[in-house]
Amino acid sequence: MRGMDKQLYTTNEAAELLGVTPARVRQMVARDEIESEKMGRDRFITAQAIAAARQRKTSPGPVPKSAPATPKLATGHASAKDGVSTGGKKGRERKQGAK
């Protein structure tokens, strides 16, 4: 049969080899960023396609800046008397004791 000499990988295997998630591999296939072959209901990625994707792979983008946390919450020293619920039983006990 023709094409039987190719090394084929499942999306899960390809993801592991590329250092991405299987969902990212499926996204790459849908966007034609990586070549795949469909057999029945499954998709398979060739070793050549994985090698090509590795060469194109770039480093991740910058980490987005998040809003700064309030100092009391960032240090974990918030209490019920500060008007911040700490949750759990201890937080309820503090609120009841402050009355």
C-alpha atoms as a PDB file:
ATOM      1  CA  MET A   1       0.000   0.000   0.000  1.00  0.00           C
ATOM      2  CA  ARG A   2       1.096   3.523  -0.717  1.00  0.00           C
ATOM      3  CA  GLY A   3       2.068   5.760   2.238  1.00  0.00           C
ATOM      4  CA  MET A   4       2.590   2.925   4.725  1.00  0.00           C
ATOM      5  CA  ASP A   5       6.285   3.749   5.152  1.00  0.00           C
ATOM      6  CA  LYS A   6       5.536   7.093   6.876  1.00  0.00           C
ATOM      7  CA  GLN A   7       5.896   7.473  10.620  1.00  0.00           C
ATOM      8  CA  LEU A   8       2.535   8.760  11.866  1.00  0.00           C
ATOM      9  CA  TYR A   9       1.724  10.273  15.250  1.00  0.00           C
ATOM     10  CA  THR A  10      -1.612  10.861  16.956  1.00  0.00           C
ATOM     11  CA  THR A  11      -2.473  14.402  18.005  1.00  0.00           C
ATOM     12  CA  ASN A  12      -1.606  13.460  21.597  1.00  0.00           C
ATOM     13  CA  GLU A  13       1.797  12.104  20.580  1.00  0.00           C
ATOM     14  CA  ALA A  14       2.475  15.107  18.337  1.00  0.00           C
ATOM     15  CA  ALA A  15       1.547  17.446  21.184  1.00  0.00           C
ATOM     16  CA  GLU A  16       4.028  15.747  23.496  1.00  0.00           C
ATOM     17  CA  LEU A  17       6.781  15.963  20.890  1.00  0.00           C
ATOM     18  CA  LEU A  18       6.043  19.653  20.228  1.00  0.00           C
ATOM     19  CA  GLY A  19       5.632  20.620  23.872  1.00  0.00           C
ATOM     20  CA  VAL A  20       2.056  21.868  23.384  1.00  0.00           C
ATOM     21  CA  THR A  21      -1.395  20.597  24.297  1.00  0.00           C
ATOM     22  CA  PRO A  22      -3.398  18.233  22.074  1.00  0.00           C
ATOM     23  CA  ALA A  23      -5.948  21.051  21.673  1.00  0.00           C
ATOM     24  CA  ARG A  24      -3.187  23.278  20.269  1.00  0.00           C
ATOM     25  CA  VAL A  25      -2.220  20.567  17.758  1.00  0.00           C
ATOM     26  CA  ARG A  26      -5.860  20.311  16.644  1.00  0.00           C
ATOM     27  CA  GLN A  27      -5.937  24.104  16.315  1.00  0.00           C
ATOM     28  CA  MET A  28      -2.759  24.012  14.226  1.00  0.00           C
ATOM     29  CA  VAL A  29      -4.330  21.369  11.972  1.00  0.00           C
ATOM     30  CA  ALA A  30      -7.520  23.428  11.561  1.00  0.00           C
ATOM     31  CA  ARG A  31      -5.457  26.514  10.651  1.00  0.00           C
ATOM     32  CA  ASP A  32      -3.288  24.520   8.219  1.00  0.00           C
ATOM     33  CA  GLU A  33      -0.231  25.325  10.340  1.00  0.00           C
ATOM     34  CA  ILE A  34       0.714  21.649  10.455  1.00  0.00           C
ATOM     35  CA  GLU A  35       0.062  18.983   7.859  1.00  0.00           C
ATOM     36  CA  SER A  36      -2.053  16.003   8.852  1.00  0.00           C
ATOM     37  CA  GLU A  37      -3.649  12.951   7.326  1.00  0.00           C
ATOM     38  CA  LYS A  38      -7.149  11.810   8.145  1.00  0.00           C
ATOM     39  CA  MET A  39      -7.786   8.091   8.472  1.00  0.00           C
ATOM     40  CA  GLY A  40     -11.344   7.288   9.365  1.00  0.00           C
ATOM     41  CA  ARG A  41     -12.315   9.632  12.180  1.00  0.00           C
ATOM     42  CA  ASP A  42      -8.763  10.230  13.428  1.00  0.00           C
ATOM     43  CA  ARG A  43      -6.045  12.652  12.346  1.00  0.00           C
ATOM     44  CA  PHE A  44      -2.390  11.714  12.195  1.00  0.00           C
ATOM     45  CA  ILE A  45       0.627  13.964  11.890  1.00  0.00           C
ATOM     46  CA  THR A  46       3.756  12.861  10.015  1.00  0.00           C
ATOM     47  CA  ALA A  47       7.245  13.048  11.454  1.00  0.00           C
ATOM     48  CA  GLN A  48       8.139  15.511   8.681  1.00  0.00           C
ATOM     49  CA  ALA A  49       5.261  17.808   9.675  1.00  0.00           C
ATOM     50  CA  ILE A  50       6.359  17.695  13.318  1.00  0.00           C
ATOM     51  CA  ALA A  51       9.942  18.527  12.336  1.00  0.00           C
ATOM     52  CA  ALA A  52       8.720  21.462  10.226  1.00  0.00           C
ATOM     53  CA  ALA A  53       6.539  22.734  13.078  1.00  0.00           C
ATOM     54  CA  ARG A  54       9.504  22.534  15.473  1.00  0.00           C
ATOM     55  CA  GLN A  55      11.566  24.724  13.141  1.00  0.00           C
ATOM     56  CA  ARG A  56       8.770  27.309  12.943  1.00  0.00           C
ATOM     57  CA  LYS A  57       8.082  27.250  16.677  1.00  0.00           C
ATOM     58  CA  THR A  58       8.764  30.550  18.362  1.00  0.00           C
ATOM     59  CA  SER A  59       9.002  31.443  21.993  1.00  0.00           C
ATOM     60  CA  PRO A  60       5.818  32.398  23.841  1.00  0.00           C
ATOM     61  CA  GLY A  61       4.747  36.031  23.862  1.00  0.00           C
ATOM     62  CA  PRO A  62       5.138  38.380  26.800  1.00  0.00           C
ATOM     63  CA  VAL A  63       3.285  37.678  30.023  1.00  0.00           C
ATOM     64  CA  PRO A  64       0.346  40.082  30.301  1.00  0.00           C
ATOM     65  CA  LYS A  65       0.489  42.541  33.171  1.00  0.00           C
ATOM     66  CA  SER A  66      -2.232  41.962  35.713  1.00  0.00           C
ATOM     67  CA  ALA A  67      -3.860  44.548  37.912  1.00  0.00           C
ATOM     68  CA  PRO A  68      -1.875  45.051  41.114  1.00  0.00           C
ATOM     69  CA  ALA A  69      -3.405  43.386  44.146  1.00  0.00           C
ATOM     70  CA  THR A  70      -4.136  45.375  47.255  1.00  0.00           C
ATOM     71  CA  PRO A  71      -1.291  45.057  49.770  1.00  0.00           C
ATOM     72  CA  LYS A  72      -3.451  43.438  52.467  1.00  0.00           C
ATOM     73  CA  LEU A  73      -4.670  40.706  50.119  1.00  0.00           C
ATOM     74  CA  ALA A  74      -1.268  40.170  48.554  1.00  0.00           C
ATOM     75  CA  THR A  75       0.343  39.533  51.941  1.00  0.00           C
ATOM     76  CA  GLY A  76      -2.515  37.374  53.173  1.00  0.00           C
ATOM     77  CA  HIS A  77      -3.007  39.572  56.250  1.00  0.00           C
ATOM     78  CA  ALA A  78      -6.578  40.632  55.513  1.00  0.00           C
ATOM     79  CA  SER A  79      -9.067  40.255  58.321  1.00  0.00           C
ATOM     80  CA  ALA A  80     -12.781  40.703  58.857  1.00  0.00           C
ATOM     81  CA  LYS A  81     -12.193  43.969  60.712  1.00  0.00           C
ATOM     82  CA  ASP A  82     -10.669  45.346  57.485  1.00  0.00           C
ATOM     83  CA  GLY A  83     -14.011  44.724  55.802  1.00  0.00           C
ATOM     84  CA  VAL A  84     -12.619  41.822  53.813  1.00  0.00           C
ATOM     85  CA  SER A  85     -14.198  38.420  54.104  1.00  0.00           C
ATOM     86  CA  THR A  86     -11.551  35.782  54.651  1.00  0.00           C
ATOM     87  CA  GLY A  87     -14.051  32.999  54.081  1.00  0.00           C
ATOM     88  CA  GLY A  88     -14.379  29.815  56.030  1.00  0.00           C
ATOM     89  CA  LYS A  89     -15.344  29.329  59.665  1.00  0.00           C
ATOM     90  CA  LYS A  90     -12.571  31.504  61.090  1.00  0.00           C
ATOM     91  CA  GLY A  91     -13.806  34.498  59.109  1.00  0.00           C
ATOM     92  CA  ARG A  92     -17.336  34.059  60.454  1.00  0.00           C
ATOM     93  CA  GLU A  93     -16.046  33.678  64.024  1.00  0.00           C
ATOM     94  CA  ARG A  94     -14.069  36.910  63.749  1.00  0.00           C
ATOM     95  CA  LYS A  95     -17.099  38.810  62.452  1.00  0.00           C
ATOM     96  CA  GLN A  96     -19.302  37.466  65.255  1.00  0.00           C
ATOM     97  CA  GLY A  97     -16.686  38.234  67.897  1.00  0.00           C
ATOM     98  CA  ALA A  98     -16.304  41.833  66.652  1.00  0.00           C
ATOM     99  CA  LYS A  99     -19.979  42.679  67.433  1.00  0.00           C
END
